[in-house]
Amino acid sequence: MRIFIIFFLCSQILCSQELNCKVSVSYSSIPSPNREMFNSMRQSIYEFMNNTNWTNDIFDNEERIECTILIRLDQQLSTDEFSGSISVQSSRPVFKTLYNSPLLNILDDQLRFRYVEFETLEFNENSHISNLTSILAYYAYLIIGMDYDTFSLRGGEQFFLKAQKIISNAQNDNTATGWKSFEGLSNRYWLIENLLSPDLDKVRDFYYKYHREGLDNFTEKPDFVRENIAESIISLRDAYNRRSRAYLFQLLFDTKTDEIVKVFSQGNLMQADELINLLNNMSPNNADKWRKIGNN
């Protein structure tokens, strides 16, 4: 009986993990790579992302957040130091469908870290132990925060604050990039600054209205929901006028453009002209795609 109880409790602990994260490490640019070491790196990152308790909430196995991390290593700077990029994607299910809606699609090319084979990846939210684990934890909290924002209004706040603390802890690491405000407008620092800025509250609200009040009801009331989704996009106008260069807008359209076009690919839309004009203003690089909204 005791063995059964222990097994049951362990199963519950495993099911409490928040992330179902697929991890890939590409090292094709590294001459004469140590393949076993890179395979060990991938496994260590996989276990770190999927076996860490990032929240105090309990997730059933089917509720875990689907996400993907791809690390591309361009240089091996020393025996244990590497640089390259990290791509992060995540999605959340849409109620009463088999469809997963994309939430994040990020390419972070300011990746530099040390990794020693078989060394345990350690993270402490109160200190900057390792640039690798700080970056991974940052993206774990970002993934969870974005997911929570779509299920309750600004529900991801506590996780964005945890990511902000990681940024603060990393400020004194002079070998790490992507954490500081002066290193560009599209980095880890500015993304969390955007998410916590009162100027961009309406973008946070958009994620909730678009997903919970929009997509989750689409199968039952498609025409009504289409209008609501259009209104949620139009509600971004004031925030865009205040901070048109905010990284959060770039992220939104890098992630959502194709889905937005698909939402409006059928049915009529009363606000089509206003919506298309605004989308062209906010994301002119996608003008060809926005044009499809007006061709229904």
C-alpha atoms as a PDB file:
ATOM      1  CA  MET A   1       0.000   0.000   0.000  1.00  0.00           C
ATOM      2  CA  ARG A   2       2.815   2.437   0.900  1.00  0.00           C
ATOM      3  CA  ILE A   3       4.480   1.868  -2.489  1.00  0.00           C
ATOM      4  CA  PHE A   4       1.181   2.636  -4.206  1.00  0.00           C
ATOM      5  CA  ILE A   5       0.736   5.835  -2.200  1.00  0.00           C
ATOM      6  CA  ILE A   6       4.256   7.009  -3.019  1.00  0.00           C
ATOM      7  CA  PHE A   7       3.710   6.271  -6.706  1.00  0.00           C
ATOM      8  CA  PHE A   8       0.393   8.133  -6.650  1.00  0.00           C
ATOM      9  CA  LEU A   9       1.923  11.177  -4.957  1.00  0.00           C
ATOM     10  CA  CYS A  10       4.818  11.229  -7.418  1.00  0.00           C
ATOM     11  CA  SER A  11       2.347  11.043 -10.296  1.00  0.00           C
ATOM     12  CA  GLN A  12       0.495  14.030  -8.847  1.00  0.00           C
ATOM     13  CA  ILE A  13       3.738  15.992  -8.555  1.00  0.00           C
ATOM     14  CA  LEU A  14       4.649  15.245 -12.156  1.00  0.00           C
ATOM     15  CA  CYS A  15       1.208  16.360 -13.255  1.00  0.00           C
ATOM     16  CA  SER A  16       1.593  19.625 -11.357  1.00  0.00           C
ATOM     17  CA  GLN A  17       4.210  20.939 -13.804  1.00  0.00           C
ATOM     18  CA  GLU A  18       3.076  23.935 -15.813  1.00  0.00           C
ATOM     19  CA  LEU A  19       4.987  23.506 -19.076  1.00  0.00           C
ATOM     20  CA  ASN A  20       5.044  20.928 -21.806  1.00  0.00           C
ATOM     21  CA  CYS A  21       8.160  22.319 -23.433  1.00  0.00           C
ATOM     22  CA  LYS A  22       9.849  20.784 -26.460  1.00  0.00           C
ATOM     23  CA  VAL A  23      13.544  21.656 -26.628  1.00  0.00           C
ATOM     24  CA  SER A  24      15.977  21.552 -29.535  1.00  0.00           C
ATOM     25  CA  VAL A  25      19.641  22.565 -29.653  1.00  0.00           C
ATOM     26  CA  SER A  26      21.175  23.226 -33.065  1.00  0.00           C
ATOM     27  CA  TYR A  27      24.973  23.276 -33.219  1.00  0.00           C
ATOM     28  CA  SER A  28      25.640  22.816 -36.938  1.00  0.00           C
ATOM     29  CA  SER A  29      27.726  26.018 -37.012  1.00  0.00           C
ATOM     30  CA  ILE A  30      30.128  24.677 -34.393  1.00  0.00           C
ATOM     31  CA  PRO A  31      33.218  23.050 -35.973  1.00  0.00           C
ATOM     32  CA  SER A  32      34.031  19.557 -34.652  1.00  0.00           C
ATOM     33  CA  PRO A  33      31.224  19.595 -32.090  1.00  0.00           C
ATOM     34  CA  ASN A  34      31.092  17.354 -29.035  1.00  0.00           C
ATOM     35  CA  ARG A  35      27.742  15.774 -29.866  1.00  0.00           C
ATOM     36  CA  GLU A  36      27.361  14.022 -26.534  1.00  0.00           C
ATOM     37  CA  MET A  37      27.850  17.289 -24.694  1.00  0.00           C
ATOM     38  CA  PHE A  38      25.231  19.084 -26.809  1.00  0.00           C
ATOM     39  CA  ASN A  39      22.778  16.217 -26.347  1.00  0.00           C
ATOM     40  CA  SER A  40      23.382  16.502 -22.608  1.00  0.00           C
ATOM     41  CA  MET A  41      22.754  20.260 -22.841  1.00  0.00           C
ATOM     42  CA  ARG A  42      19.438  19.686 -24.584  1.00  0.00           C
ATOM     43  CA  GLN A  43      18.355  17.145 -21.987  1.00  0.00           C
ATOM     44  CA  SER A  44      19.362  19.420 -19.096  1.00  0.00           C
ATOM     45  CA  ILE A  45      17.374  22.326 -20.555  1.00  0.00           C
ATOM     46  CA  TYR A  46      14.390  20.055 -21.198  1.00  0.00           C
ATOM     47  CA  GLU A  47      14.379  18.833 -17.602  1.00  0.00           C
ATOM     48  CA  PHE A  48      14.873  22.341 -16.229  1.00  0.00           C
ATOM     49  CA  MET A  49      11.895  23.742 -18.143  1.00  0.00           C
ATOM     50  CA  ASN A  50       9.540  20.815 -17.589  1.00  0.00           C
ATOM     51  CA  ASN A  51      10.419  19.653 -14.078  1.00  0.00           C
ATOM     52  CA  THR A  52      10.623  23.008 -12.283  1.00  0.00           C
ATOM     53  CA  ASN A  53       7.590  24.195 -10.315  1.00  0.00           C
ATOM     54  CA  TRP A  54       7.141  27.705 -11.689  1.00  0.00           C
ATOM     55  CA  THR A  55       3.859  28.465  -9.882  1.00  0.00           C
ATOM     56  CA  ASN A  56       1.903  27.346  -6.825  1.00  0.00           C
ATOM     57  CA  ASP A  57      -0.958  26.155  -9.040  1.00  0.00           C
ATOM     58  CA  ILE A  58      -1.749  22.536  -9.904  1.00  0.00           C
ATOM     59  CA  PHE A  59      -1.948  21.612 -13.583  1.00  0.00           C
ATOM     60  CA  ASP A  60      -3.414  18.401 -14.907  1.00  0.00           C
ATOM     61  CA  ASN A  61      -1.225  16.830 -17.552  1.00  0.00           C
ATOM     62  CA  GLU A  62      -3.540  17.944 -20.375  1.00  0.00           C
ATOM     63  CA  GLU A  63      -3.545  21.515 -19.014  1.00  0.00           C
ATOM     64  CA  ARG A  64       0.208  22.033 -19.342  1.00  0.00           C
ATOM     65  CA  ILE A  65       1.167  24.943 -21.555  1.00  0.00           C
ATOM     66  CA  GLU A  66       2.446  23.889 -24.973  1.00  0.00           C
ATOM     67  CA  CYS A  67       5.690  25.626 -25.834  1.00  0.00           C
ATOM     68  CA  THR A  68       8.865  25.174 -27.851  1.00  0.00           C
ATOM     69  CA  ILE A  69      12.427  26.360 -27.339  1.00  0.00           C
ATOM     70  CA  LEU A  70      15.002  26.202 -30.126  1.00  0.00           C
ATOM     71  CA  ILE A  71      18.571  27.171 -29.283  1.00  0.00           C
ATOM     72  CA  ARG A  72      20.848  27.832 -32.243  1.00  0.00           C
ATOM     73  CA  LEU A  73      24.511  27.986 -31.296  1.00  0.00           C
ATOM     74  CA  ASP A  74      26.667  30.035 -33.666  1.00  0.00           C
ATOM     75  CA  GLN A  75      29.938  30.069 -31.729  1.00  0.00           C
ATOM     76  CA  GLN A  76      31.751  28.113 -29.082  1.00  0.00           C
ATOM     77  CA  LEU A  77      33.737  30.889 -27.420  1.00  0.00           C
ATOM     78  CA  SER A  78      35.614  28.584 -25.043  1.00  0.00           C
ATOM     79  CA  THR A  79      35.346  25.067 -23.669  1.00  0.00           C
ATOM     80  CA  ASP A  80      32.157  25.942 -21.782  1.00  0.00           C
ATOM     81  CA  GLU A  81      30.958  29.252 -23.265  1.00  0.00           C
ATOM     82  CA  PHE A  82      28.562  29.610 -26.213  1.00  0.00           C
ATOM     83  CA  SER A  83      26.675  32.287 -28.132  1.00  0.00           C
ATOM     84  CA  GLY A  84      23.764  32.221 -30.558  1.00  0.00           C
ATOM     85  CA  SER A  85      20.017  32.732 -30.445  1.00  0.00           C
ATOM     86  CA  ILE A  86      16.950  31.318 -28.748  1.00  0.00           C
ATOM     87  CA  SER A  87      13.517  31.022 -30.356  1.00  0.00           C
ATOM     88  CA  VAL A  88      10.513  30.737 -28.073  1.00  0.00           C
ATOM     89  CA  GLN A  89       6.975  29.832 -29.106  1.00  0.00           C
ATOM     90  CA  SER A  90       3.884  29.060 -27.049  1.00  0.00           C
ATOM     91  CA  SER A  91       0.171  28.535 -27.585  1.00  0.00           C
ATOM     92  CA  ARG A  92      -3.060  27.965 -25.693  1.00  0.00           C
ATOM     93  CA  PRO A  93      -6.067  25.788 -26.592  1.00  0.00           C
ATOM     94  CA  VAL A  94      -9.286  27.308 -27.874  1.00  0.00           C
ATOM     95  CA  PHE A  95     -12.392  25.997 -26.088  1.00  0.00           C
ATOM     96  CA  LYS A  96     -14.455  23.342 -27.872  1.00  0.00           C
ATOM     97  CA  THR A  97     -11.904  22.988 -30.686  1.00  0.00           C
ATOM     98  CA  LEU A  98      -8.705  21.096 -31.406  1.00  0.00           C
ATOM     99  CA  TYR A  99      -7.011  24.371 -32.331  1.00  0.00           C
ATOM    100  CA  ASN A 100      -4.166  25.967 -30.375  1.00  0.00           C
ATOM    101  CA  SER A 101      -3.853  29.743 -30.669  1.00  0.00           C
ATOM    102  CA  PRO A 102      -0.277  31.098 -30.808  1.00  0.00           C
ATOM    103  CA  LEU A 103       0.700  33.447 -27.959  1.00  0.00           C
ATOM    104  CA  LEU A 104       4.448  33.911 -28.372  1.00  0.00           C
ATOM    105  CA  ASN A 105       6.765  33.850 -31.350  1.00  0.00           C
ATOM    106  CA  ILE A 106      10.084  35.341 -30.267  1.00  0.00           C
ATOM    107  CA  LEU A 107      13.567  35.296 -31.746  1.00  0.00           C
ATOM    108  CA  ASP A 108      16.117  36.451 -29.186  1.00  0.00           C
ATOM    109  CA  ASP A 109      19.551  36.734 -30.798  1.00  0.00           C
ATOM    110  CA  GLN A 110      21.333  37.955 -27.649  1.00  0.00           C
ATOM    111  CA  LEU A 111      22.135  34.549 -26.210  1.00  0.00           C
ATOM    112  CA  ARG A 112      25.428  33.955 -24.433  1.00  0.00           C
ATOM    113  CA  PHE A 113      25.969  31.476 -21.631  1.00  0.00           C
ATOM    114  CA  ARG A 114      28.239  28.945 -19.972  1.00  0.00           C
ATOM    115  CA  TYR A 115      27.403  25.263 -19.786  1.00  0.00           C
ATOM    116  CA  VAL A 116      29.394  22.452 -18.162  1.00  0.00           C
ATOM    117  CA  GLU A 117      28.348  18.925 -19.110  1.00  0.00           C
ATOM    118  CA  PHE A 118      26.505  17.047 -16.344  1.00  0.00           C
ATOM    119  CA  GLU A 119      26.448  20.130 -14.114  1.00  0.00           C
ATOM    120  CA  THR A 120      22.989  20.680 -12.598  1.00  0.00           C
ATOM    121  CA  LEU A 121      21.177  23.759 -13.898  1.00  0.00           C
ATOM    122  CA  GLU A 122      20.419  25.900 -10.873  1.00  0.00           C
ATOM    123  CA  PHE A 123      18.116  28.895 -10.564  1.00  0.00           C
ATOM    124  CA  ASN A 124      17.372  31.212  -7.671  1.00  0.00           C
ATOM    125  CA  GLU A 125      14.857  33.989  -8.241  1.00  0.00           C
ATOM    126  CA  ASN A 126      16.767  36.184  -5.782  1.00  0.00           C
ATOM    127  CA  SER A 127      20.146  36.054  -7.546  1.00  0.00           C
ATOM    128  CA  HIS A 128      21.757  35.711 -10.962  1.00  0.00           C
ATOM    129  CA  ILE A 129      23.538  32.353 -10.714  1.00  0.00           C
ATOM    130  CA  SER A 130      23.794  31.514 -14.398  1.00  0.00           C
ATOM    131  CA  ASN A 131      22.907  33.420 -17.539  1.00  0.00           C
ATOM    132  CA  LEU A 132      21.498  30.233 -19.096  1.00  0.00           C
ATOM    133  CA  THR A 133      19.098  29.498 -16.245  1.00  0.00           C
ATOM    134  CA  SER A 134      18.167  33.187 -15.903  1.00  0.00           C
ATOM    135  CA  ILE A 135      17.191  33.282 -19.581  1.00  0.00           C
ATOM    136  CA  LEU A 136      15.279  30.002 -19.377  1.00  0.00           C
ATOM    137  CA  ALA A 137      13.452  31.076 -16.208  1.00  0.00           C
ATOM    138  CA  TYR A 138      12.670  34.466 -17.756  1.00  0.00           C
ATOM    139  CA  TYR A 139      10.998  32.780 -20.715  1.00  0.00           C
ATOM    140  CA  ALA A 140       9.212  30.270 -18.483  1.00  0.00           C
ATOM    141  CA  TYR A 141       7.601  33.113 -16.541  1.00  0.00           C
ATOM    142  CA  LEU A 142       6.860  34.994 -19.766  1.00  0.00           C
ATOM    143  CA  ILE A 143       5.162  31.928 -21.271  1.00  0.00           C
ATOM    144  CA  ILE A 144       3.077  31.375 -18.143  1.00  0.00           C
ATOM    145  CA  GLY A 145       2.230  35.055 -17.755  1.00  0.00           C
ATOM    146  CA  MET A 146       1.019  35.371 -21.333  1.00  0.00           C
ATOM    147  CA  ASP A 147      -1.090  32.240 -20.912  1.00  0.00           C
ATOM    148  CA  TYR A 148      -2.669  33.510 -17.689  1.00  0.00           C
ATOM    149  CA  ASP A 149      -3.382  36.897 -19.304  1.00  0.00           C
ATOM    150  CA  THR A 150      -5.623  35.146 -21.834  1.00  0.00           C
ATOM    151  CA  PHE A 151      -7.722  33.375 -19.189  1.00  0.00           C
ATOM    152  CA  SER A 152      -8.225  36.251 -16.737  1.00  0.00           C
ATOM    153  CA  LEU A 153      -7.840  40.010 -17.138  1.00  0.00           C
ATOM    154  CA  ARG A 154      -4.135  40.817 -16.532  1.00  0.00           C
ATOM    155  CA  GLY A 155      -3.864  37.459 -14.792  1.00  0.00           C
ATOM    156  CA  GLY A 156      -0.173  37.089 -15.640  1.00  0.00           C
ATOM    157  CA  GLU A 157       0.981  40.070 -13.571  1.00  0.00           C
ATOM    158  CA  GLN A 158       2.793  38.091 -10.855  1.00  0.00           C
ATOM    159  CA  PHE A 159       4.805  36.160 -13.440  1.00  0.00           C
ATOM    160  CA  PHE A 160       5.828  39.274 -15.352  1.00  0.00           C
ATOM    161  CA  LEU A 161       7.010  40.718 -12.025  1.00  0.00           C
ATOM    162  CA  LYS A 162       9.115  37.580 -11.476  1.00  0.00           C
ATOM    163  CA  ALA A 163      10.617  38.040 -14.951  1.00  0.00           C
ATOM    164  CA  GLN A 164      11.309  41.683 -14.084  1.00  0.00           C
ATOM    165  CA  LYS A 165      13.194  40.551 -10.971  1.00  0.00           C
ATOM    166  CA  ILE A 166      15.343  38.240 -13.115  1.00  0.00           C
ATOM    167  CA  ILE A 167      16.187  41.256 -15.292  1.00  0.00           C
ATOM    168  CA  SER A 168      17.148  43.282 -12.234  1.00  0.00           C
ATOM    169  CA  ASN A 169      19.364  40.478 -10.916  1.00  0.00           C
ATOM    170  CA  ALA A 170      21.196  40.231 -14.256  1.00  0.00           C
ATOM    171  CA  GLN A 171      22.163  43.914 -14.534  1.00  0.00           C
ATOM    172  CA  ASN A 172      25.672  43.425 -13.117  1.00  0.00           C
ATOM    173  CA  ASP A 173      26.607  40.561 -15.450  1.00  0.00           C
ATOM    174  CA  ASN A 174      28.804  42.358 -17.986  1.00  0.00           C
ATOM    175  CA  THR A 175      29.186  39.263 -20.185  1.00  0.00           C
ATOM    176  CA  ALA A 176      25.433  38.822 -20.646  1.00  0.00           C
ATOM    177  CA  THR A 177      23.394  40.781 -23.161  1.00  0.00           C
ATOM    178  CA  GLY A 178      19.672  41.338 -23.660  1.00  0.00           C
ATOM    179  CA  TRP A 179      18.988  42.421 -20.077  1.00  0.00           C
ATOM    180  CA  LYS A 180      19.697  46.150 -20.312  1.00  0.00           C
ATOM    181  CA  SER A 181      17.625  49.054 -21.596  1.00  0.00           C
ATOM    182  CA  PHE A 182      20.412  50.553 -23.730  1.00  0.00           C
ATOM    183  CA  GLU A 183      21.051  47.348 -25.693  1.00  0.00           C
ATOM    184  CA  GLY A 184      18.152  47.914 -28.119  1.00  0.00           C
ATOM    185  CA  LEU A 185      14.382  48.344 -28.106  1.00  0.00           C
ATOM    186  CA  SER A 186      13.530  44.693 -28.798  1.00  0.00           C
ATOM    187  CA  ASN A 187      15.078  42.710 -25.994  1.00  0.00           C
ATOM    188  CA  ARG A 188      14.164  40.995 -22.722  1.00  0.00           C
ATOM    189  CA  TYR A 189      14.307  44.232 -20.760  1.00  0.00           C
ATOM    190  CA  TRP A 190      11.878  46.107 -22.971  1.00  0.00           C
ATOM    191  CA  LEU A 191       9.400  43.269 -23.371  1.00  0.00           C
ATOM    192  CA  ILE A 192       8.743  43.076 -19.639  1.00  0.00           C
ATOM    193  CA  GLU A 193       8.840  46.866 -19.351  1.00  0.00           C
ATOM    194  CA  ASN A 194       6.122  46.983 -22.014  1.00  0.00           C
ATOM    195  CA  LEU A 195       4.009  44.321 -20.329  1.00  0.00           C
ATOM    196  CA  LEU A 196       4.112  46.169 -16.992  1.00  0.00           C
ATOM    197  CA  SER A 197       3.745  49.699 -18.390  1.00  0.00           C
ATOM    198  CA  PRO A 198       0.395  51.478 -17.697  1.00  0.00           C
ATOM    199  CA  ASP A 199       0.715  53.007 -21.192  1.00  0.00           C
ATOM    200  CA  LEU A 200       0.226  49.537 -22.663  1.00  0.00           C
ATOM    201  CA  ASP A 201      -2.465  48.162 -20.327  1.00  0.00           C
ATOM    202  CA  LYS A 202      -4.859  47.999 -23.281  1.00  0.00           C
ATOM    203  CA  VAL A 203      -2.552  45.531 -25.028  1.00  0.00           C
ATOM    204  CA  ARG A 204      -2.734  43.249 -21.990  1.00  0.00           C
ATOM    205  CA  ASP A 205      -6.525  43.664 -22.002  1.00  0.00           C
ATOM    206  CA  PHE A 206      -6.579  42.815 -25.710  1.00  0.00           C
ATOM    207  CA  TYR A 207      -5.070  39.387 -25.063  1.00  0.00           C
ATOM    208  CA  TYR A 208      -7.895  38.561 -22.648  1.00  0.00           C
ATOM    209  CA  LYS A 209     -10.714  39.939 -24.817  1.00  0.00           C
ATOM    210  CA  TYR A 210      -9.342  38.401 -28.002  1.00  0.00           C
ATOM    211  CA  HIS A 211      -8.959  34.918 -26.519  1.00  0.00           C
ATOM    212  CA  ARG A 212     -11.356  34.441 -23.619  1.00  0.00           C
ATOM    213  CA  GLU A 213     -14.195  36.642 -24.847  1.00  0.00           C
ATOM    214  CA  GLY A 214     -13.427  36.031 -28.509  1.00  0.00           C
ATOM    215  CA  LEU A 215     -11.863  32.819 -29.799  1.00  0.00           C
ATOM    216  CA  ASP A 216     -13.229  30.666 -26.962  1.00  0.00           C
ATOM    217  CA  ASN A 217     -16.781  31.467 -28.130  1.00  0.00           C
ATOM    218  CA  PHE A 218     -16.112  31.391 -31.849  1.00  0.00           C
ATOM    219  CA  THR A 219     -17.648  27.997 -32.640  1.00  0.00           C
ATOM    220  CA  GLU A 220     -20.976  28.970 -31.057  1.00  0.00           C
ATOM    221  CA  LYS A 221     -21.346  32.587 -32.243  1.00  0.00           C
ATOM    222  CA  PRO A 222     -18.881  33.231 -35.071  1.00  0.00           C
ATOM    223  CA  ASP A 223     -20.416  36.432 -36.468  1.00  0.00           C
ATOM    224  CA  PHE A 224     -20.913  37.995 -33.034  1.00  0.00           C
ATOM    225  CA  VAL A 225     -17.416  36.990 -31.919  1.00  0.00           C
ATOM    226  CA  ARG A 226     -15.869  38.327 -35.124  1.00  0.00           C
ATOM    227  CA  GLU A 227     -17.245  41.772 -34.303  1.00  0.00           C
ATOM    228  CA  ASN A 228     -15.957  41.499 -30.723  1.00  0.00           C
ATOM    229  CA  ILE A 229     -12.496  40.525 -31.936  1.00  0.00           C
ATOM    230  CA  ALA A 230     -12.519  43.481 -34.333  1.00  0.00           C
ATOM    231  CA  GLU A 231     -13.401  45.769 -31.419  1.00  0.00           C
ATOM    232  CA  SER A 232     -10.605  44.291 -29.307  1.00  0.00           C
ATOM    233  CA  ILE A 233      -8.106  45.105 -32.059  1.00  0.00           C
ATOM    234  CA  ILE A 234      -9.513  48.601 -32.547  1.00  0.00           C
ATOM    235  CA  SER A 235      -9.151  49.172 -28.796  1.00  0.00           C
ATOM    236  CA  LEU A 236      -5.363  49.048 -29.317  1.00  0.00           C
ATOM    237  CA  ARG A 237      -5.395  52.395 -31.149  1.00  0.00           C
ATOM    238  CA  ASP A 238      -4.759  54.654 -28.159  1.00  0.00           C
ATOM    239  CA  ALA A 239      -1.921  52.509 -26.811  1.00  0.00           C
ATOM    240  CA  TYR A 240      -0.346  52.409 -30.261  1.00  0.00           C
ATOM    241  CA  ASN A 241      -0.620  56.188 -30.605  1.00  0.00           C
ATOM    242  CA  ARG A 242       1.187  56.581 -27.273  1.00  0.00           C
ATOM    243  CA  ARG A 243       3.975  54.058 -27.902  1.00  0.00           C
ATOM    244  CA  SER A 244       4.018  52.993 -31.524  1.00  0.00           C
ATOM    245  CA  ARG A 245       7.573  51.605 -31.286  1.00  0.00           C
ATOM    246  CA  ALA A 246       6.835  49.360 -28.325  1.00  0.00           C
ATOM    247  CA  TYR A 247       8.308  45.883 -28.684  1.00  0.00           C
ATOM    248  CA  LEU A 248       4.986  44.441 -27.503  1.00  0.00           C
ATOM    249  CA  PHE A 249       3.317  45.497 -30.764  1.00  0.00           C
ATOM    250  CA  GLN A 250       6.046  43.834 -32.814  1.00  0.00           C
ATOM    251  CA  LEU A 251       5.596  40.651 -30.802  1.00  0.00           C
ATOM    252  CA  LEU A 252       1.823  40.775 -31.190  1.00  0.00           C
ATOM    253  CA  PHE A 253       1.932  40.962 -34.964  1.00  0.00           C
ATOM    254  CA  ASP A 254       4.836  38.515 -35.307  1.00  0.00           C
ATOM    255  CA  THR A 255       2.588  36.043 -33.494  1.00  0.00           C
ATOM    256  CA  LYS A 256      -0.966  36.893 -34.478  1.00  0.00           C
ATOM    257  CA  THR A 257      -1.055  38.232 -38.042  1.00  0.00           C
ATOM    258  CA  ASP A 258      -1.958  34.991 -39.837  1.00  0.00           C
ATOM    259  CA  GLU A 259      -4.543  34.073 -37.220  1.00  0.00           C
ATOM    260  CA  ILE A 260      -6.209  37.503 -37.377  1.00  0.00           C
ATOM    261  CA  VAL A 261      -6.518  37.196 -41.146  1.00  0.00           C
ATOM    262  CA  LYS A 262      -7.969  33.696 -40.750  1.00  0.00           C
ATOM    263  CA  VAL A 263     -10.564  34.907 -38.212  1.00  0.00           C
ATOM    264  CA  PHE A 264     -11.878  37.421 -40.742  1.00  0.00           C
ATOM    265  CA  SER A 265     -11.525  35.168 -43.805  1.00  0.00           C
ATOM    266  CA  GLN A 266     -15.253  34.354 -43.737  1.00  0.00           C
ATOM    267  CA  GLY A 267     -18.406  36.201 -42.821  1.00  0.00           C
ATOM    268  CA  ASN A 268     -19.243  39.883 -42.906  1.00  0.00           C
ATOM    269  CA  LEU A 269     -17.678  42.559 -40.744  1.00  0.00           C
ATOM    270  CA  MET A 270     -19.315  45.912 -40.113  1.00  0.00           C
ATOM    271  CA  GLN A 271     -16.045  47.569 -39.098  1.00  0.00           C
ATOM    272  CA  ALA A 272     -13.908  46.153 -41.896  1.00  0.00           C
ATOM    273  CA  ASP A 273     -12.614  49.467 -43.281  1.00  0.00           C
ATOM    274  CA  GLU A 274     -11.742  50.871 -39.867  1.00  0.00           C
ATOM    275  CA  LEU A 275     -10.055  47.621 -38.867  1.00  0.00           C
ATOM    276  CA  ILE A 276      -7.991  47.335 -42.059  1.00  0.00           C
ATOM    277  CA  ASN A 277      -6.867  50.977 -41.867  1.00  0.00           C
ATOM    278  CA  LEU A 278      -5.739  50.518 -38.267  1.00  0.00           C
ATOM    279  CA  LEU A 279      -3.931  47.240 -38.983  1.00  0.00           C
ATOM    280  CA  ASN A 280      -2.139  48.860 -41.922  1.00  0.00           C
ATOM    281  CA  ASN A 281      -1.073  51.691 -39.623  1.00  0.00           C
ATOM    282  CA  MET A 282       0.111  49.424 -36.784  1.00  0.00           C
ATOM    283  CA  SER A 283       1.743  46.768 -38.959  1.00  0.00           C
ATOM    284  CA  PRO A 284       2.414  48.133 -42.484  1.00  0.00           C
ATOM    285  CA  ASN A 285       4.774  45.248 -43.322  1.00  0.00           C
ATOM    286  CA  ASN A 286       1.738  42.959 -43.370  1.00  0.00           C
ATOM    287  CA  ALA A 287      -0.322  45.141 -45.726  1.00  0.00           C
ATOM    288  CA  ASP A 288      -0.687  42.332 -48.296  1.00  0.00           C
ATOM    289  CA  LYS A 289      -2.180  40.084 -45.619  1.00  0.00           C
ATOM    290  CA  TRP A 290      -4.511  42.752 -44.238  1.00  0.00           C
ATOM    291  CA  ARG A 291      -5.828  43.293 -47.767  1.00  0.00           C
ATOM    292  CA  LYS A 292      -7.316  39.789 -47.629  1.00  0.00           C
ATOM    293  CA  ILE A 293      -9.690  40.916 -44.884  1.00  0.00           C
ATOM    294  CA  GLY A 294     -11.364  43.274 -47.329  1.00  0.00           C
ATOM    295  CA  ASN A 295     -11.742  40.661 -50.077  1.00  0.00           C
ATOM    296  CA  ASN A 296     -14.334  38.453 -48.366  1.00  0.00           C
END
